[in-house]
Amino acid sequence: MTESTPVSAPASYCAPEPGPQHEPAAEGPFAACVLCQEPTEYPESAKGITLCPVCEWQEAQRTACSG
């Protein structure tokens, strides 16, 4: 009997990579990201879906590769 080594799937060029980490500005309060609850660059009074820089970058990657 021979041991087999696990074969990893090939990496997709569309796979999201970790986004850049940004420090929010010193003024606040900031809205929470709707995906990860991290602070965003937007004020709490911002309307609509607020995303932190990392989730915003990952969402852009998913949208670009969706076809």
N, C-alpha and C. Protein backbone atom coordinates (compact mmCIF):
# COMPACT_ATOMS: atom_id res chain seq x y z
N MET A 1 0.85 -1.17 0.00
CA MET A 1 0.00 0.00 0.00
C MET A 1 0.90 1.24 0.00
N THR A 2 0.55 2.21 -0.82
CA THR A 2 1.33 3.43 -0.87
C THR A 2 0.52 4.57 -0.30
N GLU A 3 1.23 5.50 0.29
CA GLU A 3 0.56 6.68 0.83
C GLU A 3 0.38 7.70 -0.27
N SER A 4 -0.76 8.31 -0.29
CA SER A 4 -0.97 9.35 -1.29
C SER A 4 -0.94 10.71 -0.60
N THR A 5 -0.41 11.67 -1.31
CA THR A 5 -0.37 13.02 -0.76
C THR A 5 -1.59 13.77 -1.24
N PRO A 6 -2.16 14.60 -0.38
CA PRO A 6 -3.35 15.35 -0.81
C PRO A 6 -3.00 16.32 -1.94
N VAL A 7 -3.89 16.39 -2.88
CA VAL A 7 -3.70 17.28 -4.01
C VAL A 7 -4.58 18.49 -3.79
N SER A 8 -3.97 19.65 -3.81
CA SER A 8 -4.76 20.86 -3.61
C SER A 8 -5.30 21.34 -4.95
N ALA A 9 -6.46 21.93 -4.89
CA ALA A 9 -7.07 22.47 -6.10
C ALA A 9 -6.26 23.65 -6.61
N PRO A 10 -6.21 23.83 -7.91
CA PRO A 10 -5.46 24.97 -8.44
C PRO A 10 -6.09 26.28 -7.98
N ALA A 11 -5.25 27.24 -7.71
CA ALA A 11 -5.72 28.55 -7.25
C ALA A 11 -6.40 29.26 -8.41
N SER A 12 -7.52 29.83 -8.14
CA SER A 12 -8.25 30.56 -9.17
C SER A 12 -7.75 32.00 -9.22
N TYR A 13 -7.67 32.55 -10.40
CA TYR A 13 -7.23 33.94 -10.49
C TYR A 13 -8.28 34.88 -9.94
N CYS A 14 -9.49 34.37 -9.73
CA CYS A 14 -10.57 35.19 -9.18
C CYS A 14 -10.68 35.07 -7.66
N ALA A 15 -9.87 34.26 -7.04
CA ALA A 15 -9.95 34.08 -5.59
C ALA A 15 -9.57 35.38 -4.90
N PRO A 16 -10.42 35.82 -3.95
CA PRO A 16 -10.10 37.07 -3.25
C PRO A 16 -8.87 36.92 -2.37
N GLU A 17 -8.05 37.92 -2.37
CA GLU A 17 -6.88 37.96 -1.51
C GLU A 17 -7.19 38.90 -0.36
N PRO A 18 -6.46 38.79 0.72
CA PRO A 18 -6.71 39.72 1.82
C PRO A 18 -6.57 41.17 1.36
N GLY A 19 -7.52 41.97 1.73
CA GLY A 19 -7.51 43.38 1.34
C GLY A 19 -6.57 44.19 2.20
N PRO A 20 -6.30 45.39 1.79
CA PRO A 20 -5.42 46.26 2.57
C PRO A 20 -6.08 46.66 3.88
N GLN A 21 -5.28 46.78 4.92
CA GLN A 21 -5.79 47.20 6.22
C GLN A 21 -5.65 48.71 6.34
N HIS A 22 -6.76 49.38 6.61
CA HIS A 22 -6.76 50.83 6.75
C HIS A 22 -7.15 51.21 8.16
N GLU A 23 -6.54 52.23 8.67
CA GLU A 23 -6.93 52.80 9.94
C GLU A 23 -7.96 53.89 9.67
N PRO A 24 -9.08 53.87 10.37
CA PRO A 24 -10.06 54.94 10.15
C PRO A 24 -9.52 56.28 10.64
N ALA A 25 -10.08 57.35 10.10
CA ALA A 25 -9.66 58.69 10.52
C ALA A 25 -9.95 58.86 12.01
N ALA A 26 -9.32 59.84 12.63
CA ALA A 26 -9.44 60.04 14.07
C ALA A 26 -10.81 60.57 14.48
N GLU A 27 -11.58 61.12 13.54
CA GLU A 27 -12.87 61.67 13.88
C GLU A 27 -13.95 60.59 13.72
N GLY A 28 -14.99 60.66 14.50
CA GLY A 28 -16.04 59.65 14.42
C GLY A 28 -17.33 60.21 14.93
N PRO A 29 -18.30 59.48 15.17
CA PRO A 29 -18.40 58.01 15.12
C PRO A 29 -18.55 57.50 13.69
N PHE A 30 -18.10 56.28 13.48
CA PHE A 30 -18.13 55.68 12.16
C PHE A 30 -19.19 54.58 12.10
N ALA A 31 -19.75 54.39 10.91
CA ALA A 31 -20.71 53.32 10.69
C ALA A 31 -19.99 51.99 10.72
N ALA A 32 -20.69 50.94 11.13
CA ALA A 32 -20.12 49.60 11.15
C ALA A 32 -20.34 48.95 9.79
N CYS A 33 -19.38 48.15 9.36
CA CYS A 33 -19.49 47.41 8.11
C CYS A 33 -20.64 46.42 8.23
N VAL A 34 -21.47 46.31 7.21
CA VAL A 34 -22.62 45.41 7.27
C VAL A 34 -22.21 43.94 7.17
N LEU A 35 -20.98 43.65 6.75
CA LEU A 35 -20.53 42.27 6.64
C LEU A 35 -19.71 41.80 7.83
N CYS A 36 -18.77 42.63 8.30
CA CYS A 36 -17.86 42.17 9.37
C CYS A 36 -17.94 43.01 10.65
N GLN A 37 -18.73 44.07 10.65
CA GLN A 37 -18.93 44.95 11.80
C GLN A 37 -17.70 45.77 12.18
N GLU A 38 -16.67 45.80 11.32
CA GLU A 38 -15.52 46.67 11.56
C GLU A 38 -15.91 48.11 11.24
N PRO A 39 -15.23 49.10 11.81
CA PRO A 39 -15.53 50.50 11.47
C PRO A 39 -15.25 50.78 9.99
N THR A 40 -16.07 51.61 9.40
CA THR A 40 -15.87 52.00 8.00
C THR A 40 -15.27 53.39 7.95
N GLU A 41 -15.11 53.91 6.75
CA GLU A 41 -14.64 55.28 6.58
C GLU A 41 -15.80 56.25 6.49
N TYR A 42 -17.01 55.75 6.68
CA TYR A 42 -18.22 56.56 6.54
C TYR A 42 -18.78 56.92 7.91
N PRO A 43 -19.41 58.08 8.03
CA PRO A 43 -20.03 58.46 9.30
C PRO A 43 -21.25 57.58 9.58
N GLU A 44 -21.67 57.51 10.85
CA GLU A 44 -22.84 56.72 11.21
C GLU A 44 -24.09 57.19 10.48
N SER A 45 -24.12 58.45 10.08
CA SER A 45 -25.28 58.99 9.41
C SER A 45 -25.35 58.62 7.92
N ALA A 46 -24.34 57.90 7.40
CA ALA A 46 -24.34 57.52 5.98
C ALA A 46 -25.49 56.58 5.70
N LYS A 47 -26.20 56.82 4.62
CA LYS A 47 -27.33 55.98 4.24
C LYS A 47 -26.85 54.89 3.30
N GLY A 48 -27.56 53.78 3.31
CA GLY A 48 -27.23 52.67 2.42
C GLY A 48 -26.29 51.66 3.06
N ILE A 49 -25.79 50.77 2.25
CA ILE A 49 -24.91 49.71 2.72
C ILE A 49 -23.51 50.28 2.89
N THR A 50 -22.97 50.19 4.09
CA THR A 50 -21.62 50.67 4.36
C THR A 50 -20.69 49.48 4.52
N LEU A 51 -19.57 49.51 3.83
CA LEU A 51 -18.58 48.44 3.89
C LEU A 51 -17.25 49.02 4.34
N CYS A 52 -16.50 48.25 5.12
CA CYS A 52 -15.15 48.66 5.50
C CYS A 52 -14.27 48.55 4.26
N PRO A 53 -13.09 49.13 4.26
CA PRO A 53 -12.22 49.07 3.08
C PRO A 53 -11.90 47.64 2.63
N VAL A 54 -11.72 46.72 3.57
CA VAL A 54 -11.39 45.34 3.22
C VAL A 54 -12.56 44.67 2.51
N CYS A 55 -13.76 44.77 3.08
CA CYS A 55 -14.93 44.15 2.47
C CYS A 55 -15.28 44.83 1.15
N GLU A 56 -15.07 46.12 1.08
CA GLU A 56 -15.32 46.86 -0.17
C GLU A 56 -14.41 46.34 -1.28
N TRP A 57 -13.15 46.12 -0.96
CA TRP A 57 -12.18 45.61 -1.92
C TRP A 57 -12.55 44.19 -2.34
N GLN A 58 -12.93 43.33 -1.38
CA GLN A 58 -13.29 41.95 -1.70
C GLN A 58 -14.57 41.90 -2.53
N GLU A 59 -15.52 42.77 -2.25
CA GLU A 59 -16.75 42.83 -3.04
C GLU A 59 -16.44 43.25 -4.47
N ALA A 60 -15.52 44.18 -4.65
CA ALA A 60 -15.12 44.59 -5.99
C ALA A 60 -14.48 43.43 -6.74
N GLN A 61 -13.68 42.61 -6.06
CA GLN A 61 -13.07 41.44 -6.69
C GLN A 61 -14.13 40.43 -7.12
N ARG A 62 -15.12 40.17 -6.26
CA ARG A 62 -16.19 39.22 -6.60
C ARG A 62 -16.99 39.73 -7.80
N THR A 63 -17.29 41.01 -7.81
CA THR A 63 -18.07 41.61 -8.90
C THR A 63 -17.30 41.55 -10.21
N ALA A 64 -16.00 41.80 -10.16
CA ALA A 64 -15.18 41.80 -11.37
C ALA A 64 -15.09 40.41 -11.98
N CYS A 65 -15.12 39.37 -11.17
CA CYS A 65 -14.97 38.00 -11.66
C CYS A 65 -16.30 37.30 -11.92
N SER A 66 -17.41 37.97 -11.67
CA SER A 66 -18.70 37.30 -11.78
C SER A 66 -19.20 37.21 -13.21
N GLY A 67 -18.48 37.76 -14.12
CA GLY A 67 -18.86 37.48 -15.45
C GLY A 67 -19.17 38.55 -16.37
